[in-house]
Amino acid sequence: MSLIQTGKINLNSTNAVETTGGDTSTFTRVTFPTPFPQGSQVVVFPLTQTFNGPETPGIRIHDVTETGFLIRLNEVLAGAVKSDGTHTTETIGWLAATV
């Protein structure tokens, strides 16, 4: 039986794009309202709920555990191969489930 939790967070990015793998110093911690059972394999599905900035916000997720996850926005520049990192505040909805 799968367990599911949902939530939302208002998130922005004032930091440059993160290019060092594993450097999560600019990420924000989201804590689940109720921890999943110990040993659960949890997946997180984030989705932008608003359209406040002219550029597309890229969402990065890291360190998903039974108690929460890390999240960050990276603005995606139109016609560019990379991001400048900064993005205005958007509401990000998320769904977390066990697999």
PDB file of N, CA and C in Angstrom:
ATOM      1  N   MET A   1       0.832  -1.176   0.000  1.00  0.00           N
ATOM      2  CA  MET A   1       0.000   0.000   0.000  1.00  0.00           C
ATOM      3  C   MET A   1       0.883   1.249   0.000  1.00  0.00           C
ATOM      4  N   SER A   2       0.620   2.160  -0.915  1.00  0.00           N
ATOM      5  CA  SER A   2       1.375   3.412  -0.992  1.00  0.00           C
ATOM      6  C   SER A   2       0.811   4.439  -0.026  1.00  0.00           C
ATOM      7  N   LEU A   3       1.696   5.216   0.551  1.00  0.00           N
ATOM      8  CA  LEU A   3       1.308   6.343   1.390  1.00  0.00           C
ATOM      9  C   LEU A   3       1.583   7.615   0.611  1.00  0.00           C
ATOM     10  N   ILE A   4       0.718   8.613   0.750  1.00  0.00           N
ATOM     11  CA  ILE A   4       0.856   9.860  -0.011  1.00  0.00           C
ATOM     12  C   ILE A   4       0.697  11.046   0.925  1.00  0.00           C
ATOM     13  N   GLN A   5       1.542  12.082   0.704  1.00  0.00           N
ATOM     14  CA  GLN A   5       1.398  13.365   1.379  1.00  0.00           C
ATOM     15  C   GLN A   5       1.556  14.460   0.334  1.00  0.00           C
ATOM     16  N   THR A   6       0.935  15.601   0.580  1.00  0.00           N
ATOM     17  CA  THR A   6       1.035  16.726  -0.335  1.00  0.00           C
ATOM     18  C   THR A   6       1.327  17.998   0.448  1.00  0.00           C
ATOM     19  N   GLY A   7       1.784  18.994  -0.260  1.00  0.00           N
ATOM     20  CA  GLY A   7       2.029  20.291   0.362  1.00  0.00           C
ATOM     21  C   GLY A   7       2.433  21.309  -0.675  1.00  0.00           C
ATOM     22  N   LYS A   8       2.750  22.509  -0.211  1.00  0.00           N
ATOM     23  CA  LYS A   8       3.235  23.548  -1.109  1.00  0.00           C
ATOM     24  C   LYS A   8       4.196  24.442  -0.343  1.00  0.00           C
ATOM     25  N   ILE A   9       5.060  25.112  -1.100  1.00  0.00           N
ATOM     26  CA  ILE A   9       6.044  26.001  -0.517  1.00  0.00           C
ATOM     27  C   ILE A   9       6.211  27.205  -1.441  1.00  0.00           C
ATOM     28  N   ASN A  10       6.323  28.398  -0.851  1.00  0.00           N
ATOM     29  CA  ASN A  10       6.664  29.585  -1.617  1.00  0.00           C
ATOM     30  C   ASN A  10       8.180  29.659  -1.651  1.00  0.00           C
ATOM     31  N   LEU A  11       8.746  29.677  -2.851  1.00  0.00           N
ATOM     32  CA  LEU A  11      10.179  29.519  -3.017  1.00  0.00           C
ATOM     33  C   LEU A  11      10.695  30.496  -4.054  1.00  0.00           C
ATOM     34  N   ASN A  12      11.883  31.068  -3.802  1.00  0.00           N
ATOM     35  CA  ASN A  12      12.562  31.880  -4.794  1.00  0.00           C
ATOM     36  C   ASN A  12      14.035  31.519  -4.784  1.00  0.00           C
ATOM     37  N   SER A  13      14.777  32.105  -5.701  1.00  0.00           N
ATOM     38  CA  SER A  13      16.221  31.878  -5.727  1.00  0.00           C
ATOM     39  C   SER A  13      16.917  33.212  -5.950  1.00  0.00           C
ATOM     40  N   THR A  14      17.765  33.574  -5.011  1.00  0.00           N
ATOM     41  CA  THR A  14      18.585  34.778  -5.152  1.00  0.00           C
ATOM     42  C   THR A  14      20.044  34.402  -5.389  1.00  0.00           C
ATOM     43  N   ASN A  15      20.301  33.112  -5.563  1.00  0.00           N
ATOM     44  CA  ASN A  15      21.658  32.606  -5.741  1.00  0.00           C
ATOM     45  C   ASN A  15      21.944  32.291  -7.203  1.00  0.00           C
ATOM     46  N   ALA A  16      23.223  32.361  -7.552  1.00  0.00           N
ATOM     47  CA  ALA A  16      23.639  31.966  -8.891  1.00  0.00           C
ATOM     48  C   ALA A  16      23.369  30.479  -9.087  1.00  0.00           C
ATOM     49  N   VAL A  17      23.372  30.045 -10.323  1.00  0.00           N
ATOM     50  CA  VAL A  17      23.157  28.637 -10.628  1.00  0.00           C
ATOM     51  C   VAL A  17      24.204  27.792  -9.903  1.00  0.00           C
ATOM     52  N   GLU A  18      23.773  26.642  -9.392  1.00  0.00           N
ATOM     53  CA  GLU A  18      24.683  25.738  -8.686  1.00  0.00           C
ATOM     54  C   GLU A  18      25.269  24.760  -9.694  1.00  0.00           C
ATOM     55  N   THR A  19      26.602  24.759  -9.823  1.00  0.00           N
ATOM     56  CA  THR A  19      27.251  23.895 -10.802  1.00  0.00           C
ATOM     57  C   THR A  19      28.111  22.810 -10.176  1.00  0.00           C
ATOM     58  N   THR A  20      28.204  22.809  -8.845  1.00  0.00           N
ATOM     59  CA  THR A  20      28.991  21.791  -8.163  1.00  0.00           C
ATOM     60  C   THR A  20      28.063  20.696  -7.668  1.00  0.00           C
ATOM     61  N   GLY A  21      28.203  19.495  -8.220  1.00  0.00           N
ATOM     62  CA  GLY A  21      27.365  18.374  -7.810  1.00  0.00           C
ATOM     63  C   GLY A  21      27.446  18.135  -6.318  1.00  0.00           C
ATOM     64  N   GLY A  22      26.294  17.962  -5.689  1.00  0.00           N
ATOM     65  CA  GLY A  22      26.243  17.673  -4.266  1.00  0.00           C
ATOM     66  C   GLY A  22      26.272  18.884  -3.355  1.00  0.00           C
ATOM     67  N   ASP A  23      26.541  20.090  -3.895  1.00  0.00           N
ATOM     68  CA  ASP A  23      26.537  21.300  -3.059  1.00  0.00           C
ATOM     69  C   ASP A  23      25.101  21.757  -2.894  1.00  0.00           C
ATOM     70  N   THR A  24      24.524  21.492  -1.741  1.00  0.00           N
ATOM     71  CA  THR A  24      23.124  21.836  -1.489  1.00  0.00           C
ATOM     72  C   THR A  24      22.988  23.021  -0.533  1.00  0.00           C
ATOM     73  N   SER A  25      24.028  23.835  -0.417  1.00  0.00           N
ATOM     74  CA  SER A  25      24.010  24.958   0.527  1.00  0.00           C
ATOM     75  C   SER A  25      22.961  26.011   0.181  1.00  0.00           C
ATOM     76  N   THR A  26      22.482  26.047  -1.061  1.00  0.00           N
ATOM     77  CA  THR A  26      21.465  27.029  -1.458  1.00  0.00           C
ATOM     78  C   THR A  26      20.070  26.416  -1.565  1.00  0.00           C
ATOM     79  N   PHE A  27      19.919  25.179  -1.133  1.00  0.00           N
ATOM     80  CA  PHE A  27      18.620  24.500  -1.168  1.00  0.00           C
ATOM     81  C   PHE A  27      17.831  24.807   0.105  1.00  0.00           C
ATOM     82  N   THR A  28      16.531  24.619   0.050  1.00  0.00           N
ATOM     83  CA  THR A  28      15.636  24.807   1.189  1.00  0.00           C
ATOM     84  C   THR A  28      15.114  23.448   1.627  1.00  0.00           C
ATOM     85  N   ARG A  29      15.103  23.192   2.929  1.00  0.00           N
ATOM     86  CA  ARG A  29      14.605  21.924   3.477  1.00  0.00           C
ATOM     87  C   ARG A  29      13.085  21.988   3.619  1.00  0.00           C
ATOM     88  N   VAL A  30      12.396  20.989   3.101  1.00  0.00           N
ATOM     89  CA  VAL A  30      10.956  20.808   3.300  1.00  0.00           C
ATOM     90  C   VAL A  30      10.793  19.590   4.197  1.00  0.00           C
ATOM     91  N   THR A  31      10.032  19.731   5.278  1.00  0.00           N
ATOM     92  CA  THR A  31       9.772  18.635   6.203  1.00  0.00           C
ATOM     93  C   THR A  31       8.332  18.165   6.005  1.00  0.00           C
ATOM     94  N   PHE A  32       8.152  16.859   5.848  1.00  0.00           N
ATOM     95  CA  PHE A  32       6.814  16.320   5.671  1.00  0.00           C
ATOM     96  C   PHE A  32       5.986  16.553   6.936  1.00  0.00           C
ATOM     97  N   PRO A  33       4.668  16.803   6.797  1.00  0.00           N
ATOM     98  CA  PRO A  33       3.816  16.983   7.974  1.00  0.00           C
ATOM     99  C   PRO A  33       3.880  15.780   8.914  1.00  0.00           C
ATOM    100  N   THR A  34       3.956  14.575   8.347  1.00  0.00           N
ATOM    101  CA  THR A  34       4.091  13.339   9.118  1.00  0.00           C
ATOM    102  C   THR A  34       5.200  12.525   8.472  1.00  0.00           C
ATOM    103  N   PRO A  35       6.209  12.117   9.225  1.00  0.00           N
ATOM    104  CA  PRO A  35       7.266  11.303   8.615  1.00  0.00           C
ATOM    105  C   PRO A  35       6.698  10.004   8.054  1.00  0.00           C
ATOM    106  N   PHE A  36       7.268   9.549   6.943  1.00  0.00           N
ATOM    107  CA  PHE A  36       6.919   8.239   6.414  1.00  0.00           C
ATOM    108  C   PHE A  36       7.563   7.178   7.301  1.00  0.00           C
ATOM    109  N   PRO A  37       7.056   5.929   7.296  1.00  0.00           N
ATOM    110  CA  PRO A  37       7.654   4.876   8.123  1.00  0.00           C
ATOM    111  C   PRO A  37       9.136   4.681   7.792  1.00  0.00           C
ATOM    112  N   GLN A  38       9.917   4.401   8.826  1.00  0.00           N
ATOM    113  CA  GLN A  38      11.347   4.181   8.652  1.00  0.00           C
ATOM    114  C   GLN A  38      11.593   3.087   7.619  1.00  0.00           C
ATOM    115  N   GLY A  39      12.556   3.324   6.736  1.00  0.00           N
ATOM    116  CA  GLY A  39      12.882   2.367   5.688  1.00  0.00           C
ATOM    117  C   GLY A  39      12.066   2.528   4.421  1.00  0.00           C
ATOM    118  N   SER A  40      11.114   3.475   4.400  1.00  0.00           N
ATOM    119  CA  SER A  40      10.293   3.707   3.207  1.00  0.00           C
ATOM    120  C   SER A  40      11.135   4.278   2.073  1.00  0.00           C
ATOM    121  N   GLN A  41      10.812   3.879   0.855  1.00  0.00           N
ATOM    122  CA  GLN A  41      11.381   4.513  -0.334  1.00  0.00           C
ATOM    123  C   GLN A  41      10.387   5.570  -0.777  1.00  0.00           C
ATOM    124  N   VAL A  42      10.804   6.838  -0.704  1.00  0.00           N
ATOM    125  CA  VAL A  42       9.910   7.966  -0.973  1.00  0.00           C
ATOM    126  C   VAL A  42      10.333   8.659  -2.262  1.00  0.00           C
ATOM    127  N   VAL A  43       9.362   9.023  -3.092  1.00  0.00           N
ATOM    128  CA  VAL A  43       9.607   9.839  -4.279  1.00  0.00           C
ATOM    129  C   VAL A  43       8.820  11.142  -4.134  1.00  0.00           C
ATOM    130  N   VAL A  44       9.365  12.228  -4.692  1.00  0.00           N
ATOM    131  CA  VAL A  44       8.730  13.540  -4.616  1.00  0.00           C
ATOM    132  C   VAL A  44       8.495  14.059  -6.029  1.00  0.00           C
ATOM    133  N   PHE A  45       7.277  14.540  -6.276  1.00  0.00           N
ATOM    134  CA  PHE A  45       6.899  15.120  -7.556  1.00  0.00           C
ATOM    135  C   PHE A  45       6.568  16.596  -7.335  1.00  0.00           C
ATOM    136  N   PRO A  46       7.462  17.530  -7.710  1.00  0.00           N
ATOM    137  CA  PRO A  46       7.177  18.953  -7.554  1.00  0.00           C
ATOM    138  C   PRO A  46       6.564  19.528  -8.835  1.00  0.00           C
ATOM    139  N   LEU A  47       5.750  20.584  -8.695  1.00  0.00           N
ATOM    140  CA  LEU A  47       5.150  21.238  -9.852  1.00  0.00           C
ATOM    141  C   LEU A  47       4.907  22.706  -9.534  1.00  0.00           C
ATOM    142  N   THR A  48       5.341  23.580 -10.425  1.00  0.00           N
ATOM    143  CA  THR A  48       5.127  25.016 -10.249  1.00  0.00           C
ATOM    144  C   THR A  48       3.637  25.324 -10.349  1.00  0.00           C
ATOM    145  N   GLN A  49       3.106  26.070  -9.371  1.00  0.00           N
ATOM    146  CA  GLN A  49       1.681  26.385  -9.312  1.00  0.00           C
ATOM    147  C   GLN A  49       1.364  27.804  -9.787  1.00  0.00           C
ATOM    148  N   THR A  50       2.407  28.641  -9.943  1.00  0.00           N
ATOM    149  CA  THR A  50       2.212  30.047 -10.297  1.00  0.00           C
ATOM    150  C   THR A  50       3.052  30.405 -11.520  1.00  0.00           C
ATOM    151  N   PHE A  51       2.833  31.623 -12.037  1.00  0.00           N
ATOM    152  CA  PHE A  51       3.555  32.131 -13.208  1.00  0.00           C
ATOM    153  C   PHE A  51       3.908  33.578 -12.911  1.00  0.00           C
ATOM    154  N   ASN A  52       4.848  33.780 -11.964  1.00  0.00           N
ATOM    155  CA  ASN A  52       5.183  35.123 -11.498  1.00  0.00           C
ATOM    156  C   ASN A  52       6.373  35.739 -12.213  1.00  0.00           C
ATOM    157  N   GLY A  53       7.234  34.932 -12.786  1.00  0.00           N
ATOM    158  CA  GLY A  53       8.397  35.445 -13.496  1.00  0.00           C
ATOM    159  C   GLY A  53       8.288  35.130 -14.972  1.00  0.00           C
ATOM    160  N   PRO A  54       8.944  35.934 -15.840  1.00  0.00           N
ATOM    161  CA  PRO A  54       8.834  35.704 -17.286  1.00  0.00           C
ATOM    162  C   PRO A  54       9.603  34.473 -17.763  1.00  0.00           C
ATOM    163  N   GLU A  55      10.587  34.013 -16.994  1.00  0.00           N
ATOM    164  CA  GLU A  55      11.370  32.844 -17.378  1.00  0.00           C
ATOM    165  C   GLU A  55      10.848  31.609 -16.642  1.00  0.00           C
ATOM    166  N   THR A  56      11.141  30.442 -17.170  1.00  0.00           N
ATOM    167  CA  THR A  56      10.688  29.180 -16.585  1.00  0.00           C
ATOM    168  C   THR A  56      11.537  28.825 -15.365  1.00  0.00           C
ATOM    169  N   PRO A  57      10.896  28.533 -14.225  1.00  0.00           N
ATOM    170  CA  PRO A  57      11.670  28.098 -13.064  1.00  0.00           C
ATOM    171  C   PRO A  57      11.967  26.599 -13.153  1.00  0.00           C
ATOM    172  N   GLY A  58      13.223  26.259 -13.137  1.00  0.00           N
ATOM    173  CA  GLY A  58      13.616  24.850 -13.063  1.00  0.00           C
ATOM    174  C   GLY A  58      13.630  24.434 -11.604  1.00  0.00           C
ATOM    175  N   ILE A  59      13.125  23.267 -11.299  1.00  0.00           N
ATOM    176  CA  ILE A  59      13.051  22.788  -9.911  1.00  0.00           C
ATOM    177  C   ILE A  59      14.064  21.663  -9.735  1.00  0.00           C
ATOM    178  N   ARG A  60      14.856  21.758  -8.681  1.00  0.00           N
ATOM    179  CA  ARG A  60      15.808  20.700  -8.339  1.00  0.00           C
ATOM    180  C   ARG A  60      15.438  20.125  -6.984  1.00  0.00           C
ATOM    181  N   ILE A  61      15.443  18.802  -6.888  1.00  0.00           N
ATOM    182  CA  ILE A  61      15.134  18.077  -5.651  1.00  0.00           C
ATOM    183  C   ILE A  61      16.368  17.261  -5.269  1.00  0.00           C
ATOM    184  N   HIS A  62      16.639  17.175  -3.978  1.00  0.00           N
ATOM    185  CA  HIS A  62      17.788  16.398  -3.508  1.00  0.00           C
ATOM    186  C   HIS A  62      17.484  15.843  -2.120  1.00  0.00           C
ATOM    187  N   ASP A  63      18.177  14.796  -1.742  1.00  0.00           N
ATOM    188  CA  ASP A  63      18.150  14.243  -0.384  1.00  0.00           C
ATOM    189  C   ASP A  63      16.737  13.927   0.105  1.00  0.00           C
ATOM    190  N   VAL A  64      15.996  13.148  -0.675  1.00  0.00           N
ATOM    191  CA  VAL A  64      14.652  12.724  -0.274  1.00  0.00           C
ATOM    192  C   VAL A  64      14.794  11.622   0.774  1.00  0.00           C
ATOM    193  N   THR A  65      14.171  11.828   1.930  1.00  0.00           N
ATOM    194  CA  THR A  65      14.199  10.850   3.022  1.00  0.00           C
ATOM    195  C   THR A  65      12.775  10.632   3.524  1.00  0.00           C
ATOM    196  N   GLU A  66      12.644   9.844   4.577  1.00  0.00           N
ATOM    197  CA  GLU A  66      11.326   9.610   5.178  1.00  0.00           C
ATOM    198  C   GLU A  66      10.776  10.868   5.860  1.00  0.00           C
ATOM    199  N   THR A  67      11.641  11.845   6.123  1.00  0.00           N
ATOM    200  CA  THR A  67      11.204  13.038   6.871  1.00  0.00           C
ATOM    201  C   THR A  67      11.079  14.288   6.016  1.00  0.00           C
ATOM    202  N   GLY A  68      11.600  14.271   4.779  1.00  0.00           N
ATOM    203  CA  GLY A  68      11.500  15.463   3.939  1.00  0.00           C
ATOM    204  C   GLY A  68      12.470  15.425   2.776  1.00  0.00           C
ATOM    205  N   PHE A  69      12.741  16.611   2.215  1.00  0.00           N
ATOM    206  CA  PHE A  69      13.608  16.709   1.046  1.00  0.00           C
ATOM    207  C   PHE A  69      14.154  18.126   0.935  1.00  0.00           C
ATOM    208  N   LEU A  70      15.162  18.289   0.076  1.00  0.00           N
ATOM    209  CA  LEU A  70      15.713  19.598  -0.248  1.00  0.00           C
ATOM    210  C   LEU A  70      15.192  20.021  -1.611  1.00  0.00           C
ATOM    211  N   ILE A  71      14.939  21.335  -1.773  1.00  0.00           N
ATOM    212  CA  ILE A  71      14.411  21.855  -3.031  1.00  0.00           C
ATOM    213  C   ILE A  71      15.073  23.186  -3.345  1.00  0.00           C
ATOM    214  N   ARG A  72      15.176  23.487  -4.636  1.00  0.00           N
ATOM    215  CA  ARG A  72      15.749  24.750  -5.085  1.00  0.00           C
ATOM    216  C   ARG A  72      15.211  25.085  -6.468  1.00  0.00           C
ATOM    217  N   LEU A  73      15.090  26.390  -6.759  1.00  0.00           N
ATOM    218  CA  LEU A  73      14.757  26.847  -8.106  1.00  0.00           C
ATOM    219  C   LEU A  73      16.035  27.238  -8.832  1.00  0.00           C
ATOM    220  N   ASN A  74      16.102  26.955 -10.124  1.00  0.00           N
ATOM    221  CA  ASN A  74      17.127  27.447 -11.039  1.00  0.00           C
ATOM    222  C   ASN A  74      16.379  28.018 -12.235  1.00  0.00           C
ATOM    223  N   GLU A  75      16.432  29.323 -12.445  1.00  0.00           N
ATOM    224  CA  GLU A  75      15.720  29.899 -13.579  1.00  0.00           C
ATOM    225  C   GLU A  75      16.318  29.405 -14.885  1.00  0.00           C
ATOM    226  N   VAL A  76      15.451  28.997 -15.803  1.00  0.00           N
ATOM    227  CA  VAL A  76      15.873  28.547 -17.123  1.00  0.00           C
ATOM    228  C   VAL A  76      15.717  29.723 -18.076  1.00  0.00           C
ATOM    229  N   LEU A  77      16.800  30.129 -18.727  1.00  0.00           N
ATOM    230  CA  LEU A  77      16.762  31.279 -19.628  1.00  0.00           C
ATOM    231  C   LEU A  77      16.273  30.869 -21.008  1.00  0.00           C
ATOM    232  N   ALA A  78      15.343  31.646 -21.562  1.00  0.00           N
ATOM    233  CA  ALA A  78      14.803  31.352 -22.886  1.00  0.00           C
ATOM    234  C   ALA A  78      15.917  31.382 -23.924  1.00  0.00           C
ATOM    235  N   GLY A  79      15.988  30.340 -24.739  1.00  0.00           N
ATOM    236  CA  GLY A  79      16.980  30.266 -25.796  1.00  0.00           C
ATOM    237  C   GLY A  79      18.398  29.998 -25.315  1.00  0.00           C
ATOM    238  N   ALA A  80      18.576  29.778 -24.020  1.00  0.00           N
ATOM    239  CA  ALA A  80      19.915  29.541 -23.480  1.00  0.00           C
ATOM    240  C   ALA A  80      20.093  28.078 -23.117  1.00  0.00           C
ATOM    241  N   VAL A  81      21.324  27.676 -23.053  1.00  0.00           N
ATOM    242  CA  VAL A  81      21.634  26.303 -22.694  1.00  0.00           C
ATOM    243  C   VAL A  81      21.701  26.152 -21.186  1.00  0.00           C
ATOM    244  N   LYS A  82      21.932  27.248 -20.475  1.00  0.00           N
ATOM    245  CA  LYS A  82      22.046  27.147 -19.026  1.00  0.00           C
ATOM    246  C   LYS A  82      21.182  28.182 -18.327  1.00  0.00           C
ATOM    247  N   SER A  83      21.306  28.250 -17.039  1.00  0.00           N
ATOM    248  CA  SER A  83      20.470  29.073 -16.178  1.00  0.00           C
ATOM    249  C   SER A  83      21.316  30.145 -15.510  1.00  0.00           C
ATOM    250  N   ASP A  84      20.668  31.256 -15.113  1.00  0.00           N
ATOM    251  CA  ASP A  84      21.387  32.244 -14.300  1.00  0.00           C
ATOM    252  C   ASP A  84      21.131  32.001 -12.814  1.00  0.00           C
ATOM    253  N   GLY A  85      20.222  31.061 -12.506  1.00  0.00           N
ATOM    254  CA  GLY A  85      20.001  30.667 -11.121  1.00  0.00           C
ATOM    255  C   GLY A  85      18.939  31.449 -10.390  1.00  0.00           C
ATOM    256  N   THR A  86      18.868  32.758 -10.590  1.00  0.00           N
ATOM    257  CA  THR A  86      17.933  33.579  -9.819  1.00  0.00           C
ATOM    258  C   THR A  86      16.524  33.493 -10.394  1.00  0.00           C
ATOM    259  N   HIS A  87      15.542  33.531  -9.499  1.00  0.00           N
ATOM    260  CA  HIS A  87      14.145  33.517  -9.932  1.00  0.00           C
ATOM    261  C   HIS A  87      13.268  34.105  -8.832  1.00  0.00           C
ATOM    262  N   THR A  88      12.222  34.807  -9.237  1.00  0.00           N
ATOM    263  CA  THR A  88      11.271  35.410  -8.300  1.00  0.00           C
ATOM    264  C   THR A  88      10.501  34.327  -7.549  1.00  0.00           C
ATOM    265  N   THR A  89       9.721  34.721  -6.562  1.00  0.00           N
ATOM    266  CA  THR A  89       8.969  33.765  -5.743  1.00  0.00           C
ATOM    267  C   THR A  89       7.853  33.104  -6.548  1.00  0.00           C
ATOM    268  N   GLU A  90       7.828  31.798  -6.476  1.00  0.00           N
ATOM    269  CA  GLU A  90       6.773  30.981  -7.075  1.00  0.00           C
ATOM    270  C   GLU A  90       6.246  30.034  -6.011  1.00  0.00           C
ATOM    271  N   THR A  91       5.005  29.603  -6.166  1.00  0.00           N
ATOM    272  CA  THR A  91       4.457  28.567  -5.304  1.00  0.00           C
ATOM    273  C   THR A  91       4.706  27.219  -5.970  1.00  0.00           C
ATOM    274  N   ILE A  92       5.365  26.340  -5.230  1.00  0.00           N
ATOM    275  CA  ILE A  92       5.668  25.001  -5.744  1.00  0.00           C
ATOM    276  C   ILE A  92       4.836  23.995  -4.946  1.00  0.00           C
ATOM    277  N   GLY A  93       3.964  23.286  -5.629  1.00  0.00           N
ATOM    278  CA  GLY A  93       3.218  22.216  -4.994  1.00  0.00           C
ATOM    279  C   GLY A  93       4.022  20.933  -5.097  1.00  0.00           C
ATOM    280  N   TRP A  94       3.852  20.048  -4.142  1.00  0.00           N
ATOM    281  CA  TRP A  94       4.571  18.774  -4.196  1.00  0.00           C
ATOM    282  C   TRP A  94       3.690  17.641  -3.715  1.00  0.00           C
ATOM    283  N   LEU A  95       3.966  16.472  -4.241  1.00  0.00           N
ATOM    284  CA  LEU A  95       3.321  15.237  -3.834  1.00  0.00           C
ATOM    285  C   LEU A  95       4.446  14.258  -3.511  1.00  0.00           C
ATOM    286  N   ALA A  96       4.402  13.658  -2.336  1.00  0.00           N
ATOM    287  CA  ALA A  96       5.388  12.656  -1.935  1.00  0.00           C
ATOM    288  C   ALA A  96       4.649  11.337  -1.704  1.00  0.00           C
ATOM    289  N   ALA A  97       5.239  10.262  -2.193  1.00  0.00           N
ATOM    290  CA  ALA A  97       4.599   8.953  -2.059  1.00  0.00           C
ATOM    291  C   ALA A  97       5.651   7.890  -1.846  1.00  0.00           C
ATOM    292  N   THR A  98       5.250   6.798  -1.228  1.00  0.00           N
ATOM    293  CA  THR A  98       6.129   5.640  -1.094  1.00  0.00           C
ATOM    294  C   THR A  98       5.979   4.771  -2.349  1.00  0.00           C
ATOM    295  N   VAL A  99       7.062   4.080  -2.661  1.00  0.00           N
ATOM    296  CA  VAL A  99       7.023   3.181  -3.837  1.00  0.00           C
ATOM    297  C   VAL A  99       7.372   1.777  -3.398  1.00  0.00           C
TER     298      VAL A  99
END
